[in-house]
Amino acid sequence: MSDDRDEFGAFLVGFVVGGLTGAVVALLFAPQSGEETRALIKDKSIELRDRASQSAEEVLARAESAAAEARARADELTKIARERATELAHEVRERGTGLVNEVRERSKGAIDAVRKSTKGGDASAAG
């Protein structure tokens, strides 16, 4: 996007400089009276102003289009990021629940083993 803008900016500068150069050369070599030359300068300046205005409108339209595309892409990326974050949160919850259950089962097993060994130890100590 930046390259397009740079290329268009260079084109616009070249266009304006070329137009001015052409107008100066035409004035210097034209065999006309001062009044005719002033009229020609006026006409050329109006034409150049119109071209510059048209170019500026084209640049504005391109900028608005690029901004709209950027907003649309940002919205799309935001939506994708939210979906992925939701998926990750769900996965973390599932894994956490699984780990909690596994720890509970192991704890119950360990507690049962301790209770059995304690009951067995009491019986052998009593005997």
N, C-alpha and C. Protein backbone atom coordinates (compact mmCIF):
# COMPACT_ATOMS: atom_id res chain seq x y z
N MET A 1 0.84 -1.18 0.00
CA MET A 1 0.00 0.00 0.00
C MET A 1 0.88 1.24 0.00
N SER A 2 1.96 1.26 0.77
CA SER A 2 2.85 2.39 0.85
C SER A 2 3.58 2.60 -0.48
N ASP A 3 3.95 1.49 -1.14
CA ASP A 3 4.62 1.60 -2.43
C ASP A 3 3.73 2.25 -3.46
N ASP A 4 2.45 1.88 -3.48
CA ASP A 4 1.51 2.49 -4.41
C ASP A 4 1.40 3.98 -4.17
N ARG A 5 1.34 4.36 -2.92
CA ARG A 5 1.21 5.77 -2.56
C ARG A 5 2.46 6.53 -2.99
N ASP A 6 3.66 5.94 -2.76
CA ASP A 6 4.90 6.58 -3.15
C ASP A 6 4.99 6.73 -4.66
N GLU A 7 4.60 5.69 -5.38
CA GLU A 7 4.63 5.75 -6.85
C GLU A 7 3.66 6.81 -7.36
N PHE A 8 2.47 6.86 -6.78
CA PHE A 8 1.49 7.84 -7.23
C PHE A 8 1.95 9.24 -6.89
N GLY A 9 2.55 9.43 -5.73
CA GLY A 9 3.07 10.74 -5.35
C GLY A 9 4.17 11.20 -6.30
N ALA A 10 5.06 10.27 -6.66
CA ALA A 10 6.13 10.60 -7.61
C ALA A 10 5.54 10.95 -8.97
N PHE A 11 4.53 10.20 -9.39
CA PHE A 11 3.86 10.49 -10.66
C PHE A 11 3.24 11.88 -10.62
N LEU A 12 2.56 12.20 -9.53
CA LEU A 12 1.89 13.49 -9.41
C LEU A 12 2.90 14.64 -9.46
N VAL A 13 4.02 14.50 -8.74
CA VAL A 13 5.05 15.53 -8.75
C VAL A 13 5.63 15.68 -10.16
N GLY A 14 5.91 14.56 -10.80
CA GLY A 14 6.43 14.60 -12.16
C GLY A 14 5.45 15.24 -13.12
N PHE A 15 4.19 14.94 -12.93
CA PHE A 15 3.15 15.51 -13.78
C PHE A 15 3.10 17.02 -13.65
N VAL A 16 3.11 17.51 -12.42
CA VAL A 16 3.05 18.96 -12.17
C VAL A 16 4.30 19.64 -12.70
N VAL A 17 5.47 19.09 -12.39
CA VAL A 17 6.73 19.69 -12.85
C VAL A 17 6.80 19.67 -14.37
N GLY A 18 6.40 18.58 -14.98
CA GLY A 18 6.39 18.50 -16.44
C GLY A 18 5.45 19.51 -17.06
N GLY A 19 4.29 19.68 -16.47
CA GLY A 19 3.32 20.66 -16.97
C GLY A 19 3.86 22.08 -16.88
N LEU A 20 4.47 22.40 -15.75
CA LEU A 20 5.04 23.74 -15.58
C LEU A 20 6.20 23.97 -16.54
N THR A 21 7.05 22.98 -16.69
CA THR A 21 8.19 23.10 -17.61
C THR A 21 7.70 23.30 -19.03
N GLY A 22 6.73 22.52 -19.43
CA GLY A 22 6.17 22.66 -20.77
C GLY A 22 5.56 24.03 -20.99
N ALA A 23 4.88 24.53 -20.00
CA ALA A 23 4.25 25.84 -20.12
C ALA A 23 5.30 26.94 -20.24
N VAL A 24 6.37 26.86 -19.47
CA VAL A 24 7.44 27.86 -19.53
C VAL A 24 8.13 27.82 -20.88
N VAL A 25 8.44 26.64 -21.37
CA VAL A 25 9.09 26.50 -22.68
C VAL A 25 8.18 27.04 -23.78
N ALA A 26 6.91 26.73 -23.71
CA ALA A 26 5.97 27.21 -24.73
C ALA A 26 5.90 28.73 -24.71
N LEU A 27 5.91 29.32 -23.54
CA LEU A 27 5.85 30.79 -23.44
C LEU A 27 7.12 31.44 -23.98
N LEU A 28 8.26 30.83 -23.68
CA LEU A 28 9.52 31.42 -24.12
C LEU A 28 9.71 31.38 -25.64
N PHE A 29 9.22 30.35 -26.25
CA PHE A 29 9.43 30.18 -27.69
C PHE A 29 8.22 30.56 -28.53
N ALA A 30 7.16 30.99 -27.92
CA ALA A 30 5.96 31.34 -28.68
C ALA A 30 6.09 32.75 -29.26
N PRO A 31 5.85 32.90 -30.55
CA PRO A 31 5.90 34.23 -31.16
C PRO A 31 4.56 34.94 -31.02
N GLN A 32 4.27 35.39 -29.80
CA GLN A 32 2.98 36.02 -29.55
C GLN A 32 3.19 37.37 -28.87
N SER A 33 2.13 38.16 -28.87
CA SER A 33 2.19 39.44 -28.17
C SER A 33 2.03 39.20 -26.67
N GLY A 34 2.30 40.22 -25.88
CA GLY A 34 2.17 40.11 -24.43
C GLY A 34 0.76 39.77 -24.00
N GLU A 35 -0.23 40.37 -24.69
CA GLU A 35 -1.63 40.11 -24.33
C GLU A 35 -2.01 38.66 -24.63
N GLU A 36 -1.56 38.18 -25.75
CA GLU A 36 -1.84 36.78 -26.11
C GLU A 36 -1.14 35.83 -25.13
N THR A 37 0.09 36.21 -24.76
CA THR A 37 0.84 35.38 -23.82
C THR A 37 0.14 35.34 -22.46
N ARG A 38 -0.34 36.50 -22.00
CA ARG A 38 -1.07 36.53 -20.71
C ARG A 38 -2.33 35.69 -20.79
N ALA A 39 -3.04 35.76 -21.89
CA ALA A 39 -4.25 34.94 -22.06
C ALA A 39 -3.89 33.46 -22.05
N LEU A 40 -2.79 33.12 -22.72
CA LEU A 40 -2.34 31.73 -22.75
C LEU A 40 -1.94 31.26 -21.35
N ILE A 41 -1.22 32.13 -20.62
CA ILE A 41 -0.83 31.79 -19.24
C ILE A 41 -2.08 31.56 -18.39
N LYS A 42 -3.06 32.41 -18.55
CA LYS A 42 -4.30 32.26 -17.79
C LYS A 42 -4.99 30.94 -18.12
N ASP A 43 -5.09 30.63 -19.41
CA ASP A 43 -5.74 29.39 -19.82
C ASP A 43 -4.98 28.16 -19.31
N LYS A 44 -3.66 28.22 -19.45
CA LYS A 44 -2.84 27.08 -19.00
C LYS A 44 -2.91 26.93 -17.48
N SER A 45 -2.94 28.02 -16.75
CA SER A 45 -3.02 27.92 -15.30
C SER A 45 -4.37 27.35 -14.86
N ILE A 46 -5.43 27.72 -15.56
CA ILE A 46 -6.75 27.15 -15.26
C ILE A 46 -6.74 25.65 -15.55
N GLU A 47 -6.15 25.29 -16.69
CA GLU A 47 -6.09 23.87 -17.06
C GLU A 47 -5.26 23.09 -16.04
N LEU A 48 -4.12 23.66 -15.65
CA LEU A 48 -3.27 23.00 -14.67
C LEU A 48 -3.98 22.88 -13.32
N ARG A 49 -4.70 23.92 -12.92
CA ARG A 49 -5.45 23.89 -11.67
C ARG A 49 -6.51 22.78 -11.71
N ASP A 50 -7.20 22.67 -12.85
CA ASP A 50 -8.22 21.63 -12.98
C ASP A 50 -7.61 20.23 -12.91
N ARG A 51 -6.47 20.07 -13.57
CA ARG A 51 -5.79 18.76 -13.52
C ARG A 51 -5.35 18.43 -12.09
N ALA A 52 -4.78 19.43 -11.41
CA ALA A 52 -4.34 19.22 -10.03
C ALA A 52 -5.53 18.89 -9.13
N SER A 53 -6.64 19.57 -9.35
CA SER A 53 -7.84 19.30 -8.57
C SER A 53 -8.33 17.88 -8.82
N GLN A 54 -8.34 17.49 -10.08
CA GLN A 54 -8.78 16.13 -10.43
C GLN A 54 -7.84 15.10 -9.80
N SER A 55 -6.53 15.35 -9.88
CA SER A 55 -5.56 14.42 -9.28
C SER A 55 -5.76 14.34 -7.77
N ALA A 56 -6.02 15.48 -7.15
CA ALA A 56 -6.24 15.48 -5.70
C ALA A 56 -7.48 14.68 -5.34
N GLU A 57 -8.53 14.80 -6.15
CA GLU A 57 -9.74 14.03 -5.90
C GLU A 57 -9.48 12.53 -6.05
N GLU A 58 -8.66 12.16 -7.05
CA GLU A 58 -8.32 10.76 -7.23
C GLU A 58 -7.52 10.23 -6.04
N VAL A 59 -6.59 11.04 -5.56
CA VAL A 59 -5.78 10.65 -4.39
C VAL A 59 -6.69 10.47 -3.17
N LEU A 60 -7.61 11.39 -2.98
CA LEU A 60 -8.54 11.29 -1.86
C LEU A 60 -9.39 10.04 -1.96
N ALA A 61 -9.87 9.74 -3.16
CA ALA A 61 -10.68 8.53 -3.35
C ALA A 61 -9.87 7.28 -3.04
N ARG A 62 -8.61 7.26 -3.50
CA ARG A 62 -7.75 6.11 -3.20
C ARG A 62 -7.49 5.97 -1.71
N ALA A 63 -7.26 7.10 -1.05
CA ALA A 63 -7.00 7.07 0.39
C ALA A 63 -8.22 6.56 1.15
N GLU A 64 -9.40 7.04 0.76
CA GLU A 64 -10.63 6.58 1.42
C GLU A 64 -10.84 5.09 1.19
N SER A 65 -10.56 4.64 -0.02
CA SER A 65 -10.70 3.21 -0.33
C SER A 65 -9.72 2.38 0.50
N ALA A 66 -8.48 2.84 0.57
CA ALA A 66 -7.47 2.12 1.34
C ALA A 66 -7.85 2.10 2.82
N ALA A 67 -8.38 3.20 3.33
CA ALA A 67 -8.79 3.25 4.74
C ALA A 67 -9.94 2.28 5.00
N ALA A 68 -10.89 2.23 4.07
CA ALA A 68 -12.02 1.30 4.22
C ALA A 68 -11.53 -0.14 4.20
N GLU A 69 -10.60 -0.45 3.31
CA GLU A 69 -10.05 -1.81 3.26
C GLU A 69 -9.31 -2.14 4.55
N ALA A 70 -8.56 -1.18 5.07
CA ALA A 70 -7.82 -1.41 6.31
C ALA A 70 -8.78 -1.64 7.48
N ARG A 71 -9.86 -0.86 7.54
CA ARG A 71 -10.85 -1.05 8.61
C ARG A 71 -11.49 -2.43 8.50
N ALA A 72 -11.84 -2.83 7.28
CA ALA A 72 -12.46 -4.14 7.09
C ALA A 72 -11.51 -5.26 7.50
N ARG A 73 -10.26 -5.14 7.12
CA ARG A 73 -9.27 -6.16 7.47
C ARG A 73 -9.04 -6.20 8.98
N ALA A 74 -9.00 -5.03 9.61
CA ALA A 74 -8.82 -4.98 11.06
C ALA A 74 -10.01 -5.63 11.77
N ASP A 75 -11.21 -5.36 11.28
CA ASP A 75 -12.40 -5.99 11.87
C ASP A 75 -12.35 -7.51 11.72
N GLU A 76 -11.91 -7.96 10.55
CA GLU A 76 -11.81 -9.40 10.30
C GLU A 76 -10.77 -10.03 11.22
N LEU A 77 -9.63 -9.38 11.36
CA LEU A 77 -8.58 -9.91 12.24
C LEU A 77 -9.03 -9.91 13.70
N THR A 78 -9.76 -8.89 14.10
CA THR A 78 -10.28 -8.83 15.46
C THR A 78 -11.23 -9.99 15.72
N LYS A 79 -12.10 -10.25 14.76
CA LYS A 79 -13.05 -11.35 14.90
C LYS A 79 -12.32 -12.68 15.01
N ILE A 80 -11.32 -12.90 14.16
CA ILE A 80 -10.54 -14.14 14.20
C ILE A 80 -9.83 -14.27 15.54
N ALA A 81 -9.24 -13.17 16.03
CA ALA A 81 -8.52 -13.22 17.31
C ALA A 81 -9.47 -13.54 18.47
N ARG A 82 -10.67 -12.95 18.44
CA ARG A 82 -11.64 -13.25 19.50
C ARG A 82 -12.06 -14.71 19.46
N GLU A 83 -12.30 -15.23 18.26
CA GLU A 83 -12.69 -16.64 18.15
C GLU A 83 -11.59 -17.54 18.68
N ARG A 84 -10.35 -17.24 18.31
CA ARG A 84 -9.23 -18.06 18.75
C ARG A 84 -9.05 -17.97 20.27
N ALA A 85 -9.22 -16.77 20.82
CA ALA A 85 -9.11 -16.60 22.26
C ALA A 85 -10.18 -17.41 22.99
N THR A 86 -11.39 -17.41 22.44
CA THR A 86 -12.47 -18.20 23.03
C THR A 86 -12.14 -19.69 22.98
N GLU A 87 -11.62 -20.14 21.84
CA GLU A 87 -11.23 -21.55 21.71
C GLU A 87 -10.14 -21.91 22.72
N LEU A 88 -9.15 -21.05 22.85
CA LEU A 88 -8.06 -21.32 23.79
C LEU A 88 -8.56 -21.35 25.23
N ALA A 89 -9.44 -20.43 25.57
CA ALA A 89 -9.99 -20.41 26.93
C ALA A 89 -10.76 -21.70 27.20
N HIS A 90 -11.51 -22.16 26.21
CA HIS A 90 -12.27 -23.41 26.38
C HIS A 90 -11.30 -24.59 26.56
N GLU A 91 -10.24 -24.63 25.76
CA GLU A 91 -9.26 -25.71 25.89
C GLU A 91 -8.59 -25.68 27.26
N VAL A 92 -8.24 -24.49 27.73
CA VAL A 92 -7.59 -24.37 29.04
C VAL A 92 -8.54 -24.83 30.14
N ARG A 93 -9.82 -24.45 30.04
CA ARG A 93 -10.80 -24.91 31.03
C ARG A 93 -10.91 -26.43 31.04
N GLU A 94 -10.97 -27.01 29.84
CA GLU A 94 -11.09 -28.47 29.76
C GLU A 94 -9.87 -29.15 30.36
N ARG A 95 -8.69 -28.66 29.99
CA ARG A 95 -7.46 -29.26 30.52
C ARG A 95 -7.38 -29.07 32.04
N GLY A 96 -7.76 -27.90 32.50
CA GLY A 96 -7.75 -27.64 33.94
C GLY A 96 -8.69 -28.56 34.69
N THR A 97 -9.89 -28.73 34.14
CA THR A 97 -10.87 -29.63 34.76
C THR A 97 -10.32 -31.05 34.78
N GLY A 98 -9.72 -31.46 33.67
CA GLY A 98 -9.14 -32.81 33.61
C GLY A 98 -8.04 -32.99 34.64
N LEU A 99 -7.18 -32.00 34.78
CA LEU A 99 -6.09 -32.09 35.75
C LEU A 99 -6.62 -32.10 37.18
N VAL A 100 -7.63 -31.28 37.44
CA VAL A 100 -8.22 -31.25 38.78
C VAL A 100 -8.81 -32.62 39.11
N ASN A 101 -9.53 -33.18 38.17
CA ASN A 101 -10.12 -34.51 38.40
C ASN A 101 -9.04 -35.57 38.61
N GLU A 102 -7.97 -35.47 37.83
CA GLU A 102 -6.88 -36.44 37.98
C GLU A 102 -6.22 -36.31 39.36
N VAL A 103 -6.02 -35.07 39.79
CA VAL A 103 -5.42 -34.85 41.12
C VAL A 103 -6.36 -35.38 42.20
N ARG A 104 -7.65 -35.16 42.04
CA ARG A 104 -8.61 -35.68 43.03
C ARG A 104 -8.54 -37.20 43.11
N GLU A 105 -8.50 -37.84 41.95
CA GLU A 105 -8.45 -39.30 41.94
C GLU A 105 -7.16 -39.80 42.59
N ARG A 106 -6.06 -39.17 42.26
CA ARG A 106 -4.79 -39.59 42.85
C ARG A 106 -4.79 -39.34 44.37
N SER A 107 -5.38 -38.21 44.75
CA SER A 107 -5.43 -37.88 46.17
C SER A 107 -6.28 -38.91 46.91
N LYS A 108 -7.42 -39.26 46.31
CA LYS A 108 -8.28 -40.27 46.94
C LYS A 108 -7.54 -41.58 47.07
N GLY A 109 -6.82 -41.94 46.01
CA GLY A 109 -6.04 -43.18 46.05
C GLY A 109 -4.98 -43.13 47.13
N ALA A 110 -4.31 -42.00 47.24
CA ALA A 110 -3.27 -41.85 48.25
C ALA A 110 -3.87 -41.86 49.64
N ILE A 111 -5.00 -41.18 49.81
CA ILE A 111 -5.66 -41.15 51.12
C ILE A 111 -6.12 -42.56 51.50
N ASP A 112 -6.70 -43.27 50.54
CA ASP A 112 -7.13 -44.65 50.82
C ASP A 112 -5.94 -45.53 51.20
N ALA A 113 -4.82 -45.35 50.49
CA ALA A 113 -3.63 -46.14 50.79
C ALA A 113 -3.12 -45.82 52.19
N VAL A 114 -3.14 -44.54 52.55
CA VAL A 114 -2.68 -44.15 53.89
C VAL A 114 -3.63 -44.72 54.93
N ARG A 115 -4.94 -44.65 54.68
CA ARG A 115 -5.91 -45.19 55.63
C ARG A 115 -5.72 -46.70 55.81
N LYS A 116 -5.52 -47.40 54.71
CA LYS A 116 -5.34 -48.86 54.79
C LYS A 116 -4.08 -49.20 55.56
N SER A 117 -3.02 -48.43 55.25
CA SER A 117 -1.75 -48.73 55.95
C SER A 117 -1.87 -48.36 57.42
N THR A 118 -2.65 -47.32 57.71
CA THR A 118 -2.85 -46.92 59.11
C THR A 118 -3.68 -47.95 59.82
N LYS A 119 -4.74 -48.44 59.20
CA LYS A 119 -5.56 -49.48 59.83
C LYS A 119 -4.77 -50.76 59.99
N GLY A 120 -4.01 -51.11 59.01
CA GLY A 120 -3.17 -52.32 59.09
C GLY A 120 -2.11 -52.16 60.15
N GLY A 121 -1.55 -50.99 60.29
CA GLY A 121 -0.51 -50.71 61.27
C GLY A 121 -1.07 -50.75 62.67
N ASP A 122 -2.33 -50.27 62.86
CA ASP A 122 -2.96 -50.30 64.16
C ASP A 122 -3.20 -51.72 64.60
N ALA A 123 -3.63 -52.56 63.68
CA ALA A 123 -3.92 -53.96 64.02
C ALA A 123 -2.64 -54.69 64.39
N SER A 124 -1.56 -54.43 63.67
CA SER A 124 -0.30 -55.12 63.99
C SER A 124 0.32 -54.56 65.27
N ALA A 125 0.09 -53.32 65.56
CA ALA A 125 0.62 -52.74 66.79
C ALA A 125 -0.18 -53.24 68.00
N ALA A 126 -1.48 -53.50 67.79
CA ALA A 126 -2.31 -53.94 68.89
C ALA A 126 -2.04 -55.39 69.20
N GLY A 127 -1.60 -56.17 68.25
CA GLY A 127 -1.46 -57.59 68.41
C GLY A 127 -0.24 -58.02 69.00
